[in-house]
Amino acid sequence: QVQFVESGGGSVQPGGSLRLSCTTSGITFSRSRMGWFRQDSGKERWLVATITSDGTTIYNDAERRRYMISRDNVKEELYLQINNLKPEDQGVYFCNTYPPIESWGPGTRVTVSS
C-alpha cells in the first residue's frame, strides 16, 4: 500500500523558514521522481517542485528563489526547505510521485502570519 506522510509545517512569521519532510512507503523511492504540491484554501492542488531520482530539480517559477527540494534515497524521505516565508506561501503541502498517483497523504499546513 502506497503511503505518504508529510510533516514539518506550522505557523511562522513572515521571513521565517520551514523544512517540510515526507516519508514514503509502498513505492520504489530511489527510482521515483518526486514532487511537492500545495493546495491553497478553496483551490486545486498544484505542483511546487519536482526532483528526479538523481537529484535534478525543477521549480515553479514563482518559488524558484526561496524553495529547495531535496531527497534522501537511503532514508526514503523527501524535503522542502522554504526560506523567507511570505503569506502567499500559506497552504497545505503534499508530497507524491510525479506524475502523482492517487494516494495522497494528509499534508502539512503552513501558516504565515505576524
C-alpha atoms as a PDB file:
ATOM      1  CA  GLN A   1       0.000   0.000   0.000  1.00  0.00           C
ATOM      2  CA  VAL A   2       1.349   3.388  -1.009  1.00  0.00           C
ATOM      3  CA  GLN A   3       1.548   5.961   1.758  1.00  0.00           C
ATOM      4  CA  PHE A   4       2.886   9.474   2.025  1.00  0.00           C
ATOM      5  CA  VAL A   5       3.175  11.236   5.370  1.00  0.00           C
ATOM      6  CA  GLU A   6       4.068  14.895   5.412  1.00  0.00           C
ATOM      7  CA  SER A   7       5.334  16.831   8.427  1.00  0.00           C
ATOM      8  CA  GLY A   8       7.153  19.987   9.412  1.00  0.00           C
ATOM      9  CA  GLY A   9       4.501  22.568   8.750  1.00  0.00           C
ATOM     10  CA  GLY A  10       3.429  25.131  11.280  1.00  0.00           C
ATOM     11  CA  SER A  11       2.694  28.739  11.928  1.00  0.00           C
ATOM     12  CA  VAL A  12       5.593  31.092  11.310  1.00  0.00           C
ATOM     13  CA  GLN A  13       6.138  34.792  10.956  1.00  0.00           C
ATOM     14  CA  PRO A  14       6.935  36.375   7.612  1.00  0.00           C
ATOM     15  CA  GLY A  15      10.608  35.984   6.849  1.00  0.00           C
ATOM     16  CA  GLY A  16      10.897  32.729   8.733  1.00  0.00           C
ATOM     17  CA  SER A  17      11.864  29.323   7.375  1.00  0.00           C
ATOM     18  CA  LEU A  18      10.457  25.842   7.462  1.00  0.00           C
ATOM     19  CA  ARG A  19      11.678  22.455   6.375  1.00  0.00           C
ATOM     20  CA  LEU A  20       8.940  20.111   5.326  1.00  0.00           C
ATOM     21  CA  SER A  21       9.532  16.376   5.336  1.00  0.00           C
ATOM     22  CA  CYS A  22       7.809  13.462   3.698  1.00  0.00           C
ATOM     23  CA  THR A  23       8.166   9.798   4.487  1.00  0.00           C
ATOM     24  CA  THR A  24       7.043   7.258   1.949  1.00  0.00           C
ATOM     25  CA  SER A  25       6.202   3.589   1.746  1.00  0.00           C
ATOM     26  CA  GLY A  26       4.969   1.290  -0.949  1.00  0.00           C
ATOM     27  CA  ILE A  27       6.980   2.886  -3.746  1.00  0.00           C
ATOM     28  CA  THR A  28      10.473   2.386  -5.060  1.00  0.00           C
ATOM     29  CA  PHE A  29      11.529   5.746  -3.734  1.00  0.00           C
ATOM     30  CA  SER A  30      15.070   5.761  -5.053  1.00  0.00           C
ATOM     31  CA  ARG A  31      13.801   5.331  -8.602  1.00  0.00           C
ATOM     32  CA  SER A  32      10.847   7.686  -8.345  1.00  0.00           C
ATOM     33  CA  ARG A  33      10.639  11.250  -9.471  1.00  0.00           C
ATOM     34  CA  MET A  34       9.051  13.050  -6.537  1.00  0.00           C
ATOM     35  CA  GLY A  35       7.197  16.281  -6.130  1.00  0.00           C
ATOM     36  CA  TRP A  36       5.821  18.712  -3.592  1.00  0.00           C
ATOM     37  CA  PHE A  37       2.366  20.064  -4.196  1.00  0.00           C
ATOM     38  CA  ARG A  38       0.398  22.769  -2.486  1.00  0.00           C
ATOM     39  CA  GLN A  39      -3.295  23.298  -2.027  1.00  0.00           C
ATOM     40  CA  ASP A  40      -4.479  26.755  -1.176  1.00  0.00           C
ATOM     41  CA  SER A  41      -7.804  27.235   0.517  1.00  0.00           C
ATOM     42  CA  GLY A  42     -10.627  26.585  -1.914  1.00  0.00           C
ATOM     43  CA  LYS A  43      -8.317  25.859  -4.821  1.00  0.00           C
ATOM     44  CA  GLU A  44      -6.956  22.834  -6.582  1.00  0.00           C
ATOM     45  CA  ARG A  45      -3.698  21.215  -5.649  1.00  0.00           C
ATOM     46  CA  TRP A  46      -0.773  22.375  -7.774  1.00  0.00           C
ATOM     47  CA  LEU A  47       2.839  21.446  -8.334  1.00  0.00           C
ATOM     48  CA  VAL A  48       5.512  23.378  -6.439  1.00  0.00           C
ATOM     49  CA  ALA A  49       8.684  21.494  -7.333  1.00  0.00           C
ATOM     50  CA  THR A  50       9.960  18.147  -8.501  1.00  0.00           C
ATOM     51  CA  ILE A  51      13.171  16.198  -8.094  1.00  0.00           C
ATOM     52  CA  THR A  52      14.314  13.249 -10.139  1.00  0.00           C
ATOM     53  CA  SER A  53      15.886  10.117  -8.717  1.00  0.00           C
ATOM     54  CA  ASP A  54      19.348  11.534  -9.365  1.00  0.00           C
ATOM     55  CA  GLY A  55      18.597  14.932  -7.872  1.00  0.00           C
ATOM     56  CA  THR A  56      17.659  17.126 -10.821  1.00  0.00           C
ATOM     57  CA  THR A  57      15.221  19.758  -9.619  1.00  0.00           C
ATOM     58  CA  ILE A  58      12.535  21.798 -11.323  1.00  0.00           C
ATOM     59  CA  TYR A  59      10.583  24.569  -9.634  1.00  0.00           C
ATOM     60  CA  ASN A  60       7.532  26.549 -10.347  1.00  0.00           C
ATOM     61  CA  ASP A  61       8.981  29.882 -11.405  1.00  0.00           C
ATOM     62  CA  ALA A  62       7.394  31.822  -8.582  1.00  0.00           C
ATOM     63  CA  GLU A  63       9.089  29.660  -5.929  1.00  0.00           C
ATOM     64  CA  ARG A  64      12.469  29.125  -7.506  1.00  0.00           C
ATOM     65  CA  ARG A  65      14.474  31.511  -5.352  1.00  0.00           C
ATOM     66  CA  ARG A  66      13.077  30.618  -1.944  1.00  0.00           C
ATOM     67  CA  TYR A  67      12.278  26.941  -2.178  1.00  0.00           C
ATOM     68  CA  MET A  68      14.661  24.000  -2.208  1.00  0.00           C
ATOM     69  CA  ILE A  69      13.530  20.450  -2.789  1.00  0.00           C
ATOM     70  CA  SER A  70      15.839  17.626  -1.791  1.00  0.00           C
ATOM     71  CA  ARG A  71      15.751  13.930  -1.054  1.00  0.00           C
ATOM     72  CA  ASP A  72      17.488  11.204   0.887  1.00  0.00           C
ATOM     73  CA  ASN A  73      17.270   7.966  -1.044  1.00  0.00           C
ATOM     74  CA  VAL A  74      18.656   5.954   1.868  1.00  0.00           C
ATOM     75  CA  LYS A  75      16.032   7.204   4.314  1.00  0.00           C
ATOM     76  CA  GLU A  76      13.426   7.342   1.539  1.00  0.00           C
ATOM     77  CA  GLU A  77      12.484  10.845   2.551  1.00  0.00           C
ATOM     78  CA  LEU A  78      11.659  13.972   0.612  1.00  0.00           C
ATOM     79  CA  TYR A  79      12.208  17.512   1.862  1.00  0.00           C
ATOM     80  CA  LEU A  80      11.177  21.039   1.007  1.00  0.00           C
ATOM     81  CA  GLN A  81      13.049  23.948   2.515  1.00  0.00           C
ATOM     82  CA  ILE A  82      11.154  27.218   2.331  1.00  0.00           C
ATOM     83  CA  ASN A  83      13.013  30.390   3.206  1.00  0.00           C
ATOM     84  CA  ASN A  84      11.823  33.947   3.684  1.00  0.00           C
ATOM     85  CA  LEU A  85       8.259  32.765   4.084  1.00  0.00           C
ATOM     86  CA  LYS A  86       5.536  35.048   2.791  1.00  0.00           C
ATOM     87  CA  PRO A  87       1.779  34.999   3.310  1.00  0.00           C
ATOM     88  CA  GLU A  88       1.363  33.683  -0.231  1.00  0.00           C
ATOM     89  CA  ASP A  89       3.244  30.531   0.805  1.00  0.00           C
ATOM     90  CA  GLN A  90       0.351  29.515   3.011  1.00  0.00           C
ATOM     91  CA  GLY A  91      -1.431  26.321   2.252  1.00  0.00           C
ATOM     92  CA  VAL A  92      -1.348  22.598   2.777  1.00  0.00           C
ATOM     93  CA  TYR A  93       1.711  20.913   1.305  1.00  0.00           C
ATOM     94  CA  PHE A  94       1.647  17.373  -0.024  1.00  0.00           C
ATOM     95  CA  CYS A  95       4.270  15.062  -1.418  1.00  0.00           C
ATOM     96  CA  ASN A  96       3.725  12.462  -4.087  1.00  0.00           C
ATOM     97  CA  THR A  97       5.425  10.945  -7.022  1.00  0.00           C
ATOM     98  CA  TYR A  98       5.494  12.950 -10.222  1.00  0.00           C
ATOM     99  CA  PRO A  99       3.257  12.428 -12.010  1.00  0.00           C
ATOM    100  CA  PRO A 100       1.239  11.888  -8.852  1.00  0.00           C
ATOM    101  CA  ILE A 101      -0.531   8.690  -8.028  1.00  0.00           C
ATOM    102  CA  GLU A 102      -3.929   8.777  -6.437  1.00  0.00           C
ATOM    103  CA  SER A 103      -2.822   8.086  -2.881  1.00  0.00           C
ATOM    104  CA  TRP A 104      -2.411  11.428  -1.171  1.00  0.00           C
ATOM    105  CA  GLY A 105      -1.253  11.835   2.394  1.00  0.00           C
ATOM    106  CA  PRO A 106      -2.771  14.158   4.973  1.00  0.00           C
ATOM    107  CA  GLY A 107      -0.492  17.041   4.031  1.00  0.00           C
ATOM    108  CA  THR A 108       1.156  19.509   6.344  1.00  0.00           C
ATOM    109  CA  ARG A 109      -0.214  23.008   6.811  1.00  0.00           C
ATOM    110  CA  VAL A 110       1.910  26.117   6.562  1.00  0.00           C
ATOM    111  CA  THR A 111       0.587  29.342   8.002  1.00  0.00           C
ATOM    112  CA  VAL A 112       2.444  32.619   7.688  1.00  0.00           C
ATOM    113  CA  SER A 113       1.268  35.358   9.925  1.00  0.00           C
ATOM    114  CA  SER A 114       2.680  38.098  12.069  1.00  0.00           C
END
